[in-house]
Each structure stands twice: as structure tokens, then as C-alpha cells.
């Protein structure tokens, strides 16, 4: 963890979008349709925490067996078995009903395990399944909310930074579950997956993150074999922090070399700006651009010549 109190996810490109990471003990919900990369993001969040920052972690799964999880992780070069042997990782395969009972128990074995191994991160895959485990299945806004609140409070007491995966559906109960989970979560990350011709485009968007600033909008997400996830910041997002460059000059201009055009645009083109010359074929776009380059080159040569005279 950095001195600023931010937990780095370790996922390539994501921490820069989050201005360095996520505030410690924030509850993170990663939501999206099937196949959007939710489970993979949770696995990498735990793996990078152990491998890069020496932060032990827990993984709780309801539907995927630990063996398959370990097998899938190995495709990215992540040896989860070795981490378990070193007591840095614990994979817990359970049911939503048992998990519900664990959360309500005053001496929870789950939290006891987290304390013993010094866990600092936890990933729960499929948090929406707890809705079926709650006593009032037909009342999503009742027991499920209480169960989720109890889970969040328990994890906060143990100083755990939690990431939940949540599948987004179109059924009324599913929509209500998503709304309730998003309301209680501190950080919500939306993953998208859409087909464009023969290709699949993946996206990532931070919908909210309490206690910090972040780059809004849809960013490109890629899954790279042997590596994991990589997030590419959208080009329209303003540059910040270490990525921020010197501001473009708003006063210095460079002449094009055609007096009439230079006069028309107020003395030339602002340095560092981008100019588009538009027109049908044969109107002189290439000639104008060439003349501007030649004029700039001659001006630079004249500056060098004068500079040499005074040396």
C-alpha cells in the first residue's frame, strides 16, 4: 500500500485511471454481463496484491471449484497453489447458504482465517447469489441488504479491502440486486463486452469511487494471455499527474508562409495546436502543408544563422 492510503490493484493501466489506487477498506463491486472479465479481475486483484505488495488474500467462490480456478489462473502465469502452500492465499469453496451462516455467526471461521493469515484483501465471486440465501427471497430490499451491510461491516472491522463480482441481468430481481449492491459499495467498476463484426470489444468504466478522484468514461479493456488484464485510458480523458505534460502555448504562433492566410488567422498557427485542412481533391491541401513546412524550416535556419553570428 502506498503512503497516501491507496491500495494498488496491480492491474496494468487501472491504477493510473484511479489516480494511484483505491482507498483502503473501500468495498469494490465489479459488475457486468457473463464473460466480461469480472472473475478474472478479482483473481488478478488478489494475485497482484500477494505477488507485488505482499498483501495476503482470500478468495470465496460459490460456483467454480478451486481446482478450475487454479487451472484458469495458471494460463496467465499465476501459481495460486504455491501461494496457498506459503499461507499467502486461501481459496474457500462454499455455498451462499453456508456463507450466510458464517456472516451471522459471532465466531466466524472465515474472519478467523483472515486474521490468522494476516489477510488484507478478499474477493467474493458472485455476491448476487447471496440474495437467494437470504430468508426473504421475494423481498430483495430487506434481508439481502441487511446481509450485505453485515458483510461490509465485518470486513471493515478486519481492515480488509474487498472486491465483489456481480452479474448484471435484465430480470427485475437482478436489477434490484444490482441497485442495492451499487448503493452500498464504495467503488463500482462496470465491465462491458460487445461484439463488433468478428471482434469483441471490452470496456471498463468507473461509475463511482468514494474518497477519491478518477478518470470517468469508458476505457478499453483487454485480456492478454500469459499476463492478465490491461486497461487503456480513453484518449479524450485529460492528462493528470505524472502523465500531465506542459500546457500548450496560447500566445506563440508560427506563420504558415502565406501572408494572406497568416493575416486571416491572426498571425499564424498556435504552437502545439492541431490544424486540419479540409477540401476536395485538387484544391491545394498538400501544397499548403508543404509550404508551411518549408517556411518553418527556413525560419528555423534563419534563427540558427543569427545565433551562430553572435557566438
Protein backbone atom coordinates (compact mmCIF):
# COMPACT_ATOMS: atom_id res chain seq x y z
CA UNK A 1 0.00 0.00 0.00
CA UNK A 2 1.23 3.49 -0.78
CA UNK A 3 1.81 6.16 1.83
CA UNK A 4 -1.27 8.01 0.58
CA UNK A 5 -3.52 5.23 1.92
CA UNK A 6 -4.40 3.88 -1.53
CA UNK A 7 -4.48 0.18 -2.31
CA UNK A 8 -2.92 -0.53 -5.69
CA UNK A 9 -4.83 -3.12 -7.70
CA UNK A 10 -1.68 -4.05 -9.61
CA UNK A 11 -3.75 -4.36 -12.80
CA UNK A 12 -1.94 -2.76 -15.73
CA UNK A 13 -3.40 0.67 -16.50
CA UNK A 14 -6.17 0.57 -13.89
CA UNK A 15 -4.33 2.29 -11.04
CA UNK A 16 -3.48 5.31 -13.21
CA UNK A 17 -7.19 5.71 -14.03
CA UNK A 18 -7.89 5.54 -10.27
CA UNK A 19 -5.24 8.21 -9.58
CA UNK A 20 -2.94 5.72 -7.88
CA UNK A 21 -5.30 3.10 -6.46
CA UNK A 22 -8.39 2.63 -4.29
CA UNK A 23 -8.80 3.90 -0.69
CA UNK A 24 -8.04 1.23 1.89
CA UNK A 25 -11.14 -0.71 3.13
CA UNK A 26 -13.28 0.53 0.21
CA UNK A 27 -15.78 -2.11 -0.90
CA UNK A 28 -15.32 -2.62 -4.64
CA UNK A 29 -18.03 -4.06 -6.88
CA UNK A 30 -17.03 -5.26 -10.35
CA UNK A 31 -20.19 -5.77 -12.37
CA UNK A 32 -21.01 -6.80 -15.89
CA UNK A 33 -22.53 -9.43 -18.15
CA UNK A 34 -21.23 -13.02 -18.33
CA UNK A 35 -17.82 -13.20 -19.98
CA UNK A 36 -16.91 -9.58 -19.34
CA UNK A 37 -13.91 -10.45 -17.11
CA UNK A 38 -15.29 -9.99 -13.59
CA UNK A 39 -13.82 -13.14 -12.06
CA UNK A 40 -10.50 -12.57 -13.81
CA UNK A 41 -10.27 -9.07 -12.37
CA UNK A 42 -10.94 -10.39 -8.88
CA UNK A 43 -8.31 -13.10 -9.25
CA UNK A 44 -5.72 -10.64 -10.51
CA UNK A 45 -6.57 -8.20 -7.70
CA UNK A 46 -5.72 -10.91 -5.16
CA UNK A 47 -2.75 -12.31 -7.06
CA UNK A 48 -1.08 -8.92 -7.65
CA UNK A 49 -1.68 -7.99 -4.02
CA UNK A 50 0.31 -11.02 -2.90
CA UNK A 51 2.99 -11.02 -5.62
CA UNK A 52 3.67 -7.28 -5.80
CA UNK A 53 2.71 -5.84 -2.40
CA UNK A 54 2.94 -8.81 0.00
CA UNK A 55 -0.72 -8.48 0.97
CA UNK A 56 -2.21 -11.94 1.70
CA UNK A 57 -5.72 -12.53 0.40
CA UNK A 58 -8.84 -14.69 0.47
CA UNK A 59 -10.93 -15.87 -2.48
CA UNK A 60 -14.51 -17.01 -1.84
CA UNK A 61 -16.28 -18.88 -4.67
CA UNK A 62 -19.77 -20.36 -4.81
CA UNK A 63 -19.97 -21.98 -8.25
CA UNK A 64 -16.41 -22.52 -9.55
CA UNK A 65 -14.29 -25.21 -7.93
CA UNK A 66 -10.87 -24.20 -6.58
CA UNK A 67 -9.18 -26.66 -8.99
CA UNK A 68 -10.68 -24.92 -12.02
CA UNK A 69 -9.80 -21.54 -10.55
CA UNK A 70 -6.18 -22.60 -10.12
CA UNK A 71 -6.13 -24.08 -13.64
CA UNK A 72 -7.51 -20.89 -15.23
CA UNK A 73 -5.09 -18.71 -13.27
CA UNK A 74 -2.16 -20.81 -14.49
CA UNK A 75 -2.91 -19.74 -18.07
CA UNK A 76 -1.80 -16.26 -17.05
CA UNK A 77 1.29 -17.48 -15.21
CA UNK A 78 -0.27 -17.15 -11.76
CA UNK A 79 0.65 -20.01 -9.43
CA UNK A 80 -2.13 -19.94 -6.85
CA UNK A 81 -1.18 -23.37 -5.45
CA UNK A 82 2.23 -22.11 -4.43
CA UNK A 83 0.66 -19.09 -2.75
CA UNK A 84 -1.65 -21.39 -0.78
CA UNK A 85 1.29 -23.50 0.35
CA UNK A 86 3.05 -20.38 1.59
CA UNK A 87 -0.10 -19.37 3.55
CA UNK A 88 -0.43 -16.18 1.50
CA UNK A 89 -3.69 -17.25 -0.12
CA UNK A 90 -6.77 -19.17 0.96
CA UNK A 91 -9.43 -20.27 -1.54
CA UNK A 92 -12.77 -21.03 0.12
CA UNK A 93 -15.36 -23.04 -1.83
CA UNK A 94 -18.74 -22.82 -0.16
CA UNK A 95 -22.43 -22.21 -0.76
CA UNK A 96 -24.33 -18.94 -0.37
CA UNK A 97 -26.32 -20.50 2.48
CA UNK A 98 -23.21 -21.53 4.44
CA UNK A 99 -21.60 -18.19 3.74
CA UNK A 100 -24.73 -16.50 5.07
CA UNK A 101 -24.49 -18.51 8.29
CA UNK A 102 -20.79 -17.65 8.60
CA UNK A 103 -21.55 -13.95 8.42
CA UNK A 104 -24.22 -14.21 11.10
CA UNK A 105 -22.04 -16.29 13.42
CA UNK A 106 -20.35 -14.41 16.29
CA UNK A 107 -17.21 -16.56 15.85
CA UNK A 108 -16.93 -16.62 12.07
CA UNK A 109 -14.37 -19.14 10.81
CA UNK A 110 -13.90 -17.01 7.68
CA UNK A 111 -12.84 -13.92 9.60
CA UNK A 112 -10.77 -16.03 11.97
CA UNK A 113 -8.88 -17.44 8.98
CA UNK A 114 -8.34 -13.93 7.63
CA UNK A 115 -6.88 -12.82 10.93
CA UNK A 116 -4.57 -15.84 11.26
CA UNK A 117 -3.02 -15.36 7.81
CA UNK A 118 -2.89 -11.56 8.06
CA UNK A 119 -5.16 -11.14 5.03
CA UNK A 120 -5.57 -7.64 3.67
CA UNK A 121 -7.67 -8.39 0.59
CA UNK A 122 -10.69 -10.56 -0.14
CA UNK A 123 -12.53 -11.39 -3.37
CA UNK A 124 -16.07 -12.81 -3.30
CA UNK A 125 -17.11 -14.16 -6.70
CA UNK A 126 -20.85 -13.83 -7.34
CA UNK A 127 -22.09 -11.66 -4.48
CA UNK A 128 -25.57 -11.55 -6.03
CA UNK A 129 -26.05 -15.24 -5.16
CA UNK A 130 -26.41 -14.19 -1.52
CA UNK A 131 -29.82 -12.87 -2.47
CA UNK A 132 -31.11 -16.44 -2.79
CA UNK A 133 -29.54 -17.32 0.56
CA UNK A 134 -31.36 -14.57 2.42
CA UNK A 135 -34.55 -15.56 4.22
CA UNK A 136 -36.91 -13.31 2.28
CA UNK A 137 -36.20 -14.18 -1.36
CA UNK A 138 -39.18 -12.17 -2.53
CA UNK A 139 -38.03 -9.10 -0.64
CA UNK A 140 -34.75 -8.07 -2.20
CA UNK A 141 -34.63 -4.74 -0.39
CA UNK A 142 -34.92 -6.42 3.01
CA UNK A 143 -32.76 -9.40 4.08
CA UNK A 144 -30.29 -9.12 1.18
CA UNK A 145 -29.49 -5.54 2.08
CA UNK A 146 -29.08 -6.45 5.75
CA UNK A 147 -26.81 -9.37 4.85
CA UNK A 148 -24.69 -7.20 2.58
CA UNK A 149 -24.41 -4.50 5.24
CA UNK A 150 -23.34 -7.08 7.79
CA UNK A 151 -20.69 -8.40 5.38
CA UNK A 152 -19.34 -4.91 4.69
CA UNK A 153 -19.19 -4.05 8.40
CA UNK A 154 -17.40 -7.32 9.22
CA UNK A 155 -14.79 -6.79 6.51
CA UNK A 156 -14.22 -3.19 7.61
CA UNK A 157 -13.60 -4.34 11.18
CA UNK A 158 -10.92 -6.70 9.89
CA UNK A 159 -9.42 -3.88 7.78
CA UNK A 160 -9.95 -5.91 4.60
CA UNK A 161 -10.23 -4.33 1.18
CA UNK A 162 -13.00 -6.31 -0.51
CA UNK A 163 -13.81 -6.85 -4.15
CA UNK A 164 -17.14 -8.44 -5.16
CA UNK A 165 -18.15 -9.62 -8.61
CA UNK A 166 -21.78 -9.05 -9.56
CA UNK A 167 -23.50 -10.36 -12.66
CA UNK A 168 -25.81 -7.86 -14.35
CA UNK A 169 -29.10 -9.26 -15.69
CA UNK A 170 -32.42 -7.98 -17.01
CA UNK A 171 -34.77 -9.73 -14.57
CA UNK A 172 -36.49 -7.43 -12.03
CA UNK A 173 -34.85 -9.17 -9.05
CA UNK A 174 -31.46 -8.92 -10.72
CA UNK A 175 -31.87 -5.20 -11.40
CA UNK A 176 -32.93 -4.60 -7.79
CA UNK A 177 -29.93 -6.59 -6.54
CA UNK A 178 -27.55 -4.54 -8.68
CA UNK A 179 -29.07 -1.26 -7.50
CA UNK A 180 -28.84 -2.28 -3.84
CA UNK A 181 -25.27 -3.54 -4.14
CA UNK A 182 -24.13 -0.44 -6.01
CA UNK A 183 -25.69 1.77 -3.34
CA UNK A 184 -23.79 0.08 -0.51
CA UNK A 185 -20.49 -0.24 -2.40
CA UNK A 186 -17.81 2.44 -2.21
CA UNK A 187 -16.33 1.76 -5.64
CA UNK A 188 -18.28 0.43 -8.64
CA UNK A 189 -16.48 -0.71 -11.79
CA UNK A 190 -18.58 -1.61 -14.83
CA UNK A 191 -17.16 -4.09 -17.35
CA UNK A 192 -18.62 -4.28 -20.83
CA UNK A 193 -18.37 -6.78 -23.69
CA UNK A 194 -19.85 -6.23 -27.12
CA UNK A 195 -19.30 -7.83 -30.49
CA UNK A 196 -18.15 -5.61 -33.36
CA UNK A 197 -18.13 -7.67 -36.53
CA UNK A 198 -15.77 -10.57 -35.94
CA UNK A 199 -14.13 -8.91 -32.97
CA UNK A 200 -15.11 -8.47 -29.33
CA UNK A 201 -14.65 -5.07 -27.70
CA UNK A 202 -14.22 -4.94 -23.95
CA UNK A 203 -14.60 -1.80 -21.88
CA UNK A 204 -14.14 -0.63 -18.31
CA UNK A 205 -15.83 2.32 -16.61
CA UNK A 206 -15.54 3.53 -13.03
CA UNK A 207 -19.11 4.50 -12.13
CA UNK A 208 -18.20 5.82 -8.68
CA UNK A 209 -15.43 5.64 -6.10
CA UNK A 210 -15.88 7.33 -2.76
CA UNK A 211 -12.98 9.23 -1.26
CA UNK A 212 -11.03 9.82 -4.49
CA UNK A 213 -10.97 11.28 -7.96
CA UNK A 214 -10.73 9.13 -11.09
CA UNK A 215 -10.86 9.30 -14.87
CA UNK A 216 -14.51 8.97 -15.88
CA UNK A 217 -15.80 7.50 -19.13
CA UNK A 218 -15.34 4.19 -20.92
CA UNK A 219 -11.79 2.89 -21.20
CA UNK A 220 -10.65 -0.05 -23.31
CA UNK A 221 -10.05 -3.36 -21.55
CA UNK A 222 -8.02 -6.23 -22.96
CA UNK A 223 -7.30 -9.75 -21.75
CA UNK A 224 -3.75 -10.79 -22.60
CA UNK A 225 -2.72 -14.41 -22.42
CA UNK A 226 0.18 -15.02 -20.07
CA UNK A 227 -0.29 -11.60 -18.50
CA UNK A 228 -3.84 -10.80 -17.40
CA UNK A 229 -5.91 -7.65 -17.77
CA UNK A 230 -4.73 -4.38 -19.25
CA UNK A 231 -6.68 -1.13 -19.27
CA UNK A 232 -6.06 1.53 -21.91
CA UNK A 233 -7.07 5.02 -20.88
CA UNK A 234 -9.53 6.70 -23.23
CA UNK A 235 -7.84 9.31 -25.42
CA UNK A 236 -10.38 12.05 -24.55
CA UNK A 237 -9.59 11.89 -20.84
CA UNK A 238 -7.50 14.82 -19.55
CA UNK A 239 -3.89 14.03 -18.69
CA UNK A 240 -3.18 14.18 -14.97
CA UNK A 241 -0.38 13.57 -12.51
CA UNK A 242 2.77 12.09 -13.98
CA UNK A 243 1.09 11.86 -17.38
CA UNK A 244 0.42 15.56 -17.49
CA UNK A 245 2.56 17.46 -19.99
CA UNK A 246 3.43 21.10 -20.27
CA UNK A 247 0.43 23.20 -21.31
CA UNK A 248 0.22 24.25 -24.92
CA UNK A 249 1.31 27.84 -25.55
CA UNK A 250 -1.61 30.18 -26.08
CA UNK A 251 0.48 33.12 -27.28
CA UNK A 252 3.31 31.90 -29.51
CA UNK A 253 2.42 31.40 -33.17
CA UNK A 254 4.22 30.02 -36.20
CA UNK A 255 3.47 31.57 -39.62
CA UNK A 256 2.31 29.38 -42.48
CA UNK A 257 4.24 31.41 -45.00
CA UNK A 258 1.29 32.73 -47.00
CA UNK A 259 0.78 36.32 -45.95
CA UNK A 260 -2.92 36.39 -46.72
CA UNK A 261 -3.62 33.21 -44.68
CA UNK A 262 -1.37 34.27 -41.81
CA UNK A 263 -3.17 37.60 -41.66
CA UNK A 264 -6.57 35.91 -41.87
CA UNK A 265 -5.88 33.65 -38.86
CA UNK A 266 -4.28 36.37 -36.77
CA UNK A 267 -0.60 35.89 -37.48
CA UNK A 268 -0.14 32.12 -37.75
CA UNK A 269 -0.94 28.84 -36.04
CA UNK A 270 -0.57 28.43 -32.27
CA UNK A 271 2.43 26.28 -31.37
CA UNK A 272 1.36 22.86 -30.13
CA UNK A 273 -2.07 23.07 -31.75
CA UNK A 274 -3.56 20.73 -34.37
CA UNK A 275 -4.86 22.16 -37.64
CA UNK A 276 -6.96 20.27 -40.16
CA UNK A 277 -7.03 21.42 -43.79
CA UNK A 278 -10.22 20.21 -45.48
CA UNK A 279 -11.20 20.33 -49.13
CA UNK A 280 -11.95 18.30 -52.25
CA UNK A 281 -9.20 16.80 -54.34
CA UNK A 282 -7.00 19.35 -56.15
CA UNK A 283 -7.70 22.46 -54.07
CA UNK A 284 -4.15 22.64 -52.70
CA UNK A 285 -4.17 20.92 -49.30
CA UNK A 286 -0.83 19.20 -49.82
CA UNK A 287 0.76 22.31 -51.33
CA UNK A 288 -0.35 24.43 -48.38
CA UNK A 289 1.01 21.92 -45.85
CA UNK A 290 4.30 21.67 -47.78
CA UNK A 291 4.66 25.45 -47.90
CA UNK A 292 4.07 25.67 -44.18
CA UNK A 293 6.78 23.08 -43.51
CA UNK A 294 9.24 24.83 -45.83
CA UNK A 295 8.50 28.19 -44.22
CA UNK A 296 9.01 26.72 -40.73
CA UNK A 297 12.30 25.15 -41.83
CA UNK A 298 13.58 28.42 -43.35
CA UNK A 299 12.63 30.34 -40.21
CA UNK A 300 14.49 27.85 -38.04
CA UNK A 301 17.55 28.13 -40.32
CA UNK A 302 17.47 31.92 -40.01
CA UNK A 303 17.35 31.63 -36.21
CA UNK A 304 20.33 29.28 -36.24
CA UNK A 305 22.28 31.59 -38.59
CA UNK A 306 21.72 34.63 -36.35
CA UNK A 307 22.57 32.59 -33.27
CA UNK A 308 25.87 31.45 -34.80
CA UNK A 309 26.83 35.04 -35.66
CA UNK A 310 26.74 36.04 -32.01
CA UNK A 311 28.82 33.10 -30.78
